[in-house]
Amino acid sequence: MNVLLVTMEMNIGGAETHVLELARALKKKGYKVYVISAGGQLVKELESEEIEHIFAPLKDKKINHILSAYTIIKKAIKEKNIDVVHAHARIPGAICGFACKKMRTHFVTTVHGTYRVNYILKKLTNWGERTLAVSKDIEKYVIDEYKLESQNVFLTVNGIDTEKFIKEEISENIDIKLDESKTKIIHIGRIDKESSEVAKMLISVADELNEKLSGGAQLIIVGAGTAFDEIKEISKDNKNIILTGARTDINKLLNVSDIFVGVSRAALEAMACELPVILAGNSAYNQGYIGILDSKTLDAAIDTNFTCRGFPKVSKERLVEDIIRLAKEKDKEIGKNNRKIVETNYSVDKMANDAIKVYKF
């Protein structure tokens, strides 16, 4: 079977990494896989696996870009003899919907989050003949908001490569200056205006954490985006804050860290590396604060795909309190339990099998 995966871009991000891991897994299972996007850092990862990437301007809603992407997708369906088109995100979904109807090709989507909804956007959105949702709250969202038939909506997961994301000693130089005596707190995510709230809050409490924690604290912020320059400016005088920009060696950075603060796929990757996790999200995406991930908060985390959707907003006081608690307790069992959760429920193989089930028309 020939499968075409379509997403906005292949830069560092949760949905993009999902596409990368899905493409790899499908290829291993004998599928011929192609990826269409506006490009990005992860294209090299695809090419290293000999998975063909095709460029299309899918990042925005400019009419000329939409028309160009539509033409490119139709051409790829025909020339690559595509059996199923699998879109990720709303813009690719809308364009692929038209292209698949024209080419009479089966069309499925994966929904990675919730979106602003109004009458026009509902009419333009196309979630395919069958829809995969990465969490229970998103499954309910697409059924309620877009009136999808429940029998055509299926749950899946963000599959994590547990061979790459694993607890290990990092002996090689990873290009950042670490103070071994300090507790290292890592935050990973896009640094855009809407998604930098947690990063800014961590920066605002960095000095307090450094004072209150035995040996001090060091903050590692990983990611890039439209708010990166602002983040750089407000943290420039603090020697205990490290900004790495966008990185592809996330597994190594996690393995030199002690505590993870953030959400979504990055949280799952941290769990796979046996880090204690604090789930804290950005209110612009209706994300709030679940706090320390443990047996009491696990169900809520799973239901929202580890994003804290619908939970109360993050508070500095609670965030500081939870970081200090984890740093003092140094409970290795928390990390080991986090690893087991990922191994049991969030494997790449499960994610690929979920997709394969919906490909069988």
Protein backbone atom coordinates (compact mmCIF):
# COMPACT_ATOMS: atom_id res chain seq x y z
CA MET A 1 0.00 0.00 0.00
CA ASN A 2 1.20 3.51 -0.87
CA VAL A 3 0.53 6.15 1.79
CA LEU A 4 0.89 9.92 1.51
CA LEU A 5 1.33 11.77 4.82
CA VAL A 6 0.57 15.49 4.59
CA THR A 7 1.33 18.12 7.24
CA MET A 8 1.96 21.86 7.38
CA GLU A 9 5.73 21.63 7.92
CA MET A 10 8.42 19.33 9.27
CA ASN A 11 10.03 21.58 11.86
CA ILE A 12 10.49 20.64 15.52
CA GLY A 13 7.08 20.06 17.08
CA GLY A 14 4.68 17.46 18.43
CA ALA A 15 2.57 16.86 15.31
CA GLU A 16 5.64 16.95 13.08
CA THR A 17 7.47 14.38 15.19
CA HIS A 18 4.30 12.26 15.16
CA VAL A 19 4.42 12.29 11.34
CA LEU A 20 8.13 11.43 11.33
CA GLU A 21 7.71 8.47 13.68
CA LEU A 22 4.60 7.26 11.83
CA ALA A 23 6.41 7.41 8.49
CA ARG A 24 9.34 5.41 9.89
CA ALA A 25 7.06 2.79 11.45
CA LEU A 26 4.90 2.37 8.35
CA LYS A 27 8.01 1.88 6.22
CA LYS A 28 9.29 -0.81 8.59
CA LYS A 29 5.95 -2.59 8.22
CA GLY A 30 6.34 -2.69 4.44
CA TYR A 31 4.33 0.37 3.36
CA LYS A 32 5.60 2.77 0.72
CA VAL A 33 5.46 6.17 2.41
CA TYR A 34 5.73 9.71 1.08
CA VAL A 35 5.54 12.95 3.04
CA ILE A 36 4.38 16.35 1.77
CA SER A 37 5.00 19.53 3.78
CA ALA A 38 6.52 23.01 3.64
CA GLY A 39 9.82 21.54 4.80
CA GLY A 40 11.86 22.01 7.95
CA GLN A 41 14.56 20.51 10.12
CA LEU A 42 12.99 17.06 10.27
CA VAL A 43 13.19 16.57 6.49
CA LYS A 44 16.77 15.37 6.98
CA GLU A 45 15.46 12.72 9.36
CA LEU A 46 13.04 11.50 6.68
CA GLU A 47 15.74 11.45 4.05
CA SER A 48 18.06 9.48 6.30
CA GLU A 49 15.35 6.78 6.34
CA GLU A 50 15.01 7.01 2.53
CA ILE A 51 11.47 8.37 2.83
CA GLU A 52 10.75 10.80 0.01
CA HIS A 53 9.71 14.32 1.01
CA ILE A 54 7.83 16.55 -1.42
CA PHE A 55 7.68 20.29 -0.84
CA ALA A 56 4.34 22.11 -0.88
CA PRO A 57 3.51 25.56 0.60
CA LEU A 58 1.19 24.33 3.36
CA LYS A 59 2.14 26.70 6.21
CA ASP A 60 -0.43 29.43 5.59
CA LYS A 61 -3.79 30.31 4.06
CA LYS A 62 -2.56 32.45 1.15
CA ILE A 63 -4.69 31.65 -1.88
CA ASN A 64 -1.75 31.17 -4.26
CA HIS A 65 -0.09 28.79 -1.78
CA ILE A 66 -3.32 26.82 -1.29
CA LEU A 67 -3.77 26.42 -5.05
CA SER A 68 -0.13 25.41 -5.49
CA ALA A 69 -0.35 22.85 -2.66
CA TYR A 70 -3.57 21.45 -4.11
CA THR A 71 -1.87 20.93 -7.48
CA ILE A 72 1.21 19.32 -5.90
CA ILE A 73 -0.90 16.93 -3.80
CA LYS A 74 -3.00 15.87 -6.81
CA LYS A 75 0.15 15.26 -8.83
CA ALA A 76 1.69 13.18 -6.06
CA ILE A 77 -1.48 11.07 -5.70
CA LYS A 78 -1.38 10.27 -9.41
CA GLU A 79 2.39 9.81 -9.91
CA LYS A 80 3.01 7.84 -6.71
CA ASN A 81 -0.14 5.73 -7.14
CA ILE A 82 -1.34 6.68 -3.65
CA ASP A 83 -3.92 4.45 -1.97
CA VAL A 84 -4.53 6.54 1.16
CA VAL A 85 -3.84 10.20 1.95
CA HIS A 86 -3.35 10.86 5.66
CA ALA A 87 -3.44 14.55 6.63
CA HIS A 88 -2.36 16.15 9.90
CA ALA A 89 -3.71 19.62 10.85
CA ARG A 90 -6.61 21.65 9.53
CA ILE A 91 -5.08 23.44 6.51
CA PRO A 92 -3.65 20.24 4.98
CA GLY A 93 -6.93 18.50 5.79
CA ALA A 94 -9.00 21.03 3.86
CA ILE A 95 -6.70 20.95 0.82
CA CYS A 96 -6.35 17.15 0.83
CA GLY A 97 -10.12 16.81 1.07
CA PHE A 98 -10.58 18.58 -2.26
CA ALA A 99 -7.66 16.75 -3.87
CA CYS A 100 -8.82 13.31 -2.74
CA LYS A 101 -12.36 13.95 -3.93
CA LYS A 102 -11.01 14.95 -7.33
CA MET A 103 -8.65 11.96 -7.53
CA ARG A 104 -11.12 9.51 -5.90
CA THR A 105 -8.57 8.53 -3.27
CA HIS A 106 -9.26 7.44 0.30
CA PHE A 107 -8.65 10.18 2.84
CA VAL A 108 -8.05 10.04 6.61
CA THR A 109 -6.81 12.57 9.15
CA THR A 110 -5.27 12.74 12.60
CA VAL A 111 -6.48 15.54 14.87
CA HIS A 112 -3.72 16.70 17.24
CA GLY A 113 -5.52 19.50 19.07
CA THR A 114 -8.56 21.73 19.30
CA TYR A 115 -9.14 24.70 17.01
CA ARG A 116 -11.13 27.92 16.88
CA VAL A 117 -14.56 27.08 15.48
CA ASN A 118 -17.09 29.21 13.61
CA TYR A 119 -19.58 28.55 10.82
CA ILE A 120 -17.18 29.25 7.94
CA LEU A 121 -14.29 27.29 9.44
CA LYS A 122 -16.58 24.33 10.08
CA LYS A 123 -17.62 24.34 6.43
CA LEU A 124 -14.01 24.48 5.23
CA THR A 125 -12.69 21.84 7.63
CA ASN A 126 -12.45 18.27 6.36
CA TRP A 127 -11.54 15.49 8.81
CA GLY A 128 -11.69 12.79 6.16
CA GLU A 129 -13.61 9.58 5.72
CA ARG A 130 -12.09 8.37 8.98
CA THR A 131 -10.54 10.38 11.77
CA LEU A 132 -7.89 9.54 14.36
CA ALA A 133 -7.85 11.57 17.59
CA VAL A 134 -4.82 11.58 19.89
CA SER A 135 -6.86 11.79 23.12
CA LYS A 136 -10.36 11.27 24.51
CA ASP A 137 -11.06 14.99 24.84
CA ILE A 138 -10.16 15.55 21.17
CA GLU A 139 -12.33 12.59 20.15
CA LYS A 140 -15.28 14.21 21.94
CA TYR A 141 -14.38 17.61 20.48
CA VAL A 142 -14.48 16.51 16.81
CA ILE A 143 -17.69 14.57 17.31
CA ASP A 144 -19.43 17.43 19.13
CA GLU A 145 -18.11 20.41 17.18
CA TYR A 146 -17.95 18.94 13.67
CA LYS A 147 -20.82 16.46 14.02
CA LEU A 148 -18.69 13.52 12.89
CA GLU A 149 -20.17 10.05 13.08
CA SER A 150 -18.70 8.36 16.16
CA GLN A 151 -18.12 5.09 14.28
CA ASN A 152 -15.69 6.95 12.00
CA VAL A 153 -13.60 8.45 14.82
CA PHE A 154 -10.85 6.37 16.41
CA LEU A 155 -8.43 6.92 19.28
CA THR A 156 -4.68 6.78 18.72
CA VAL A 157 -1.57 7.89 20.61
CA ASN A 158 1.57 9.95 20.16
CA GLY A 159 4.01 7.10 19.69
CA ILE A 160 7.40 7.54 21.38
CA ASP A 161 10.60 5.90 20.15
CA THR A 162 11.61 4.19 23.39
CA GLU A 163 14.93 3.06 21.92
CA LYS A 164 15.94 6.68 21.34
CA PHE A 165 14.26 8.15 24.41
CA ILE A 166 15.77 6.11 27.21
CA LYS A 167 17.66 6.90 30.39
CA GLU A 168 21.41 6.84 29.69
CA GLU A 169 24.64 8.54 30.62
CA ILE A 170 25.62 11.30 28.18
CA SER A 171 29.41 11.45 27.92
CA GLU A 172 29.76 13.46 24.72
CA ASN A 173 29.77 17.25 24.53
CA ILE A 174 26.21 18.50 24.01
CA ASP A 175 27.20 22.10 23.40
CA ILE A 176 25.71 23.71 26.53
CA LYS A 177 27.42 24.70 29.78
CA LEU A 178 25.99 22.78 32.72
CA ASP A 179 26.66 23.17 36.41
CA GLU A 180 26.59 19.65 37.86
CA SER A 181 25.82 20.95 41.36
CA LYS A 182 22.55 22.57 40.29
CA THR A 183 19.11 21.04 39.77
CA LYS A 184 18.47 21.24 36.03
CA ILE A 185 14.90 22.05 35.01
CA ILE A 186 14.08 21.60 31.32
CA HIS A 187 11.20 23.02 29.28
CA ILE A 188 10.71 21.97 25.65
CA GLY A 189 8.23 23.49 23.20
CA ARG A 190 7.52 26.09 20.56
CA ILE A 191 8.49 29.60 21.66
CA ASP A 192 5.71 31.48 19.89
CA LYS A 193 3.60 34.29 21.35
CA GLU A 194 0.78 31.87 22.21
CA SER A 195 3.02 29.05 23.45
CA SER A 196 5.68 30.81 25.53
CA GLU A 197 3.68 31.42 28.72
CA VAL A 198 5.29 28.56 30.66
CA ALA A 199 8.79 29.45 29.43
CA LYS A 200 8.30 33.05 30.60
CA MET A 201 6.96 31.92 33.97
CA LEU A 202 9.95 29.64 34.50
CA ILE A 203 12.29 32.52 33.67
CA SER A 204 10.46 34.74 36.17
CA VAL A 205 11.02 32.22 39.00
CA ALA A 206 14.55 31.13 38.02
CA ASP A 207 16.24 33.29 40.68
CA GLU A 208 13.82 32.13 43.37
CA LEU A 209 14.48 28.48 42.52
CA ASN A 210 18.23 29.08 42.50
CA GLU A 211 17.99 30.51 46.02
CA LYS A 212 15.67 27.89 47.48
CA LEU A 213 17.14 24.70 46.04
CA SER A 214 20.21 23.14 47.62
CA GLY A 215 23.07 23.71 45.19
CA GLY A 216 20.96 26.08 43.09
CA ALA A 217 18.92 25.68 39.92
CA GLN A 218 19.65 25.86 36.22
CA LEU A 219 16.90 26.35 33.64
CA ILE A 220 17.16 24.86 30.13
CA ILE A 221 14.64 26.15 27.58
CA VAL A 222 14.55 24.26 24.29
CA GLY A 223 12.70 25.56 21.24
CA ALA A 224 12.35 28.41 18.78
CA GLY A 225 9.62 30.62 17.40
CA THR A 226 8.25 34.11 17.04
CA ALA A 227 8.77 34.95 20.74
CA PHE A 228 12.33 33.64 20.96
CA ASP A 229 13.94 37.09 20.76
CA GLU A 230 11.69 38.30 23.59
CA ILE A 231 12.64 35.30 25.71
CA LYS A 232 16.29 35.92 24.95
CA GLU A 233 16.02 39.56 26.01
CA ILE A 234 14.30 38.92 29.34
CA SER A 235 16.74 36.16 30.30
CA LYS A 236 20.00 37.65 28.99
CA ASP A 237 21.34 38.72 32.40
CA ASN A 238 20.66 35.43 34.16
CA LYS A 239 23.61 33.04 33.94
CA ASN A 240 21.42 30.20 35.23
CA ILE A 241 19.16 30.24 32.14
CA ILE A 242 20.22 28.40 28.98
CA LEU A 243 18.37 28.95 25.70
CA THR A 244 19.24 26.22 23.19
CA GLY A 245 17.00 27.18 20.28
CA ALA A 246 15.49 24.38 18.20
CA ARG A 247 17.31 21.06 18.64
CA THR A 248 17.05 17.55 17.26
CA ASP A 249 19.05 15.94 20.11
CA ILE A 250 16.18 16.23 22.60
CA ASN A 251 16.93 12.80 24.07
CA LYS A 252 20.42 13.95 25.09
CA LEU A 253 19.16 17.18 26.64
CA LEU A 254 16.59 15.25 28.65
CA ASN A 255 19.29 12.93 29.94
CA VAL A 256 21.30 15.80 31.42
CA SER A 257 18.21 17.24 33.12
CA ASP A 258 16.53 16.48 36.45
CA ILE A 259 12.94 17.75 36.09
CA PHE A 260 10.74 18.37 33.04
CA VAL A 261 8.11 21.12 32.93
CA GLY A 262 5.75 21.31 29.95
CA VAL A 263 3.14 19.32 28.04
CA SER A 264 2.28 16.92 25.24
CA ARG A 265 4.80 14.83 23.29
CA ALA A 266 7.77 16.46 25.02
CA ALA A 267 6.33 15.32 28.35
CA LEU A 268 6.03 11.75 27.05
CA GLU A 269 9.62 11.86 25.78
CA ALA A 270 10.76 13.06 29.21
CA MET A 271 8.79 10.23 30.82
CA ALA A 272 10.50 7.72 28.56
CA CYS A 273 13.85 9.08 29.82
CA GLU A 274 12.65 8.47 33.41
CA LEU A 275 12.36 12.13 34.35
CA PRO A 276 9.82 13.35 36.89
CA VAL A 277 7.30 15.50 35.03
CA ILE A 278 5.31 18.61 35.89
CA LEU A 279 2.46 19.18 33.43
CA ALA A 280 2.02 22.90 32.76
CA GLY A 281 0.50 24.38 29.61
CA ASN A 282 -0.30 27.65 27.86
CA SER A 283 -3.65 29.33 28.46
CA ALA A 284 -3.86 30.56 24.84
CA TYR A 285 -4.49 26.92 23.92
CA ASN A 286 -6.91 26.36 26.82
CA GLN A 287 -4.12 24.51 28.64
CA GLY A 288 -3.72 24.81 32.38
CA TYR A 289 -1.93 23.06 35.20
CA ILE A 290 -2.13 19.44 36.32
CA GLY A 291 1.15 19.57 38.19
CA ILE A 292 3.31 16.63 39.22
CA LEU A 293 2.49 13.54 37.19
CA ASP A 294 1.76 10.64 39.53
CA SER A 295 -0.91 8.01 40.15
CA LYS A 296 -3.38 10.71 41.28
CA THR A 297 -3.05 12.86 38.15
CA LEU A 298 -2.38 10.18 35.51
CA ASP A 299 -5.98 9.70 34.33
CA ALA A 300 -6.46 13.43 33.82
CA ALA A 301 -3.15 13.59 31.94
CA ILE A 302 -4.09 10.71 29.64
CA ASP A 303 -7.56 12.10 28.89
CA THR A 304 -6.04 15.38 27.65
CA ASN A 305 -3.02 13.84 25.87
CA PHE A 306 -0.78 15.31 28.59
CA THR A 307 -1.77 18.87 27.59
CA CYS A 308 -3.82 19.99 30.65
CA ARG A 309 -6.65 21.18 28.40
CA GLY A 310 -9.46 22.63 30.48
CA PHE A 311 -7.48 22.78 33.73
CA PRO A 312 -6.92 25.95 35.83
CA LYS A 313 -4.17 28.33 34.76
CA VAL A 314 -0.60 27.87 35.95
CA SER A 315 0.36 29.83 39.07
CA LYS A 316 3.92 30.75 39.95
CA GLU A 317 3.46 29.70 43.56
CA ARG A 318 2.24 26.20 42.72
CA LEU A 319 4.91 25.74 40.03
CA VAL A 320 7.73 26.69 42.40
CA GLU A 321 6.27 24.52 45.15
CA ASP A 322 6.10 21.45 42.88
CA ILE A 323 9.61 21.93 41.46
CA ILE A 324 11.07 22.24 44.96
CA ARG A 325 9.19 19.14 46.11
CA LEU A 326 10.51 16.99 43.24
CA ALA A 327 14.04 18.35 43.63
CA LYS A 328 14.09 17.55 47.35
CA GLU A 329 12.48 14.12 47.15
CA LYS A 330 14.60 12.81 44.25
CA ASP A 331 12.27 9.83 44.00
CA LYS A 332 13.64 7.56 41.27
CA GLU A 333 10.49 5.45 41.33
CA ILE A 334 8.55 8.36 39.79
CA GLY A 335 10.79 8.27 36.74
CA LYS A 336 10.69 4.49 36.47
CA ASN A 337 6.90 4.52 36.63
CA ASN A 338 6.80 7.22 33.94
CA ARG A 339 8.91 5.01 31.68
CA LYS A 340 6.54 2.05 32.21
CA ILE A 341 3.54 4.21 31.26
CA VAL A 342 5.16 5.11 27.93
CA GLU A 343 6.31 1.57 27.18
CA THR A 344 2.87 0.14 27.92
CA ASN A 345 0.62 2.72 26.28
CA TYR A 346 2.55 5.01 23.92
CA SER A 347 4.67 2.87 21.62
CA VAL A 348 5.35 3.82 18.01
CA ASP A 349 4.13 0.36 17.01
CA LYS A 350 0.70 1.01 18.56
CA MET A 351 0.47 4.38 16.77
CA ALA A 352 1.29 2.74 13.42
CA ASN A 353 -1.18 -0.11 13.97
CA ASP A 354 -3.90 2.40 14.82
CA ALA A 355 -3.29 4.12 11.49
CA ILE A 356 -3.15 0.87 9.54
CA LYS A 357 -6.57 -0.12 10.87
CA VAL A 358 -8.18 3.00 9.42
CA TYR A 359 -6.32 2.58 6.11
CA LYS A 360 -8.22 -0.66 5.42
CA PHE A 361 -11.26 0.47 3.47
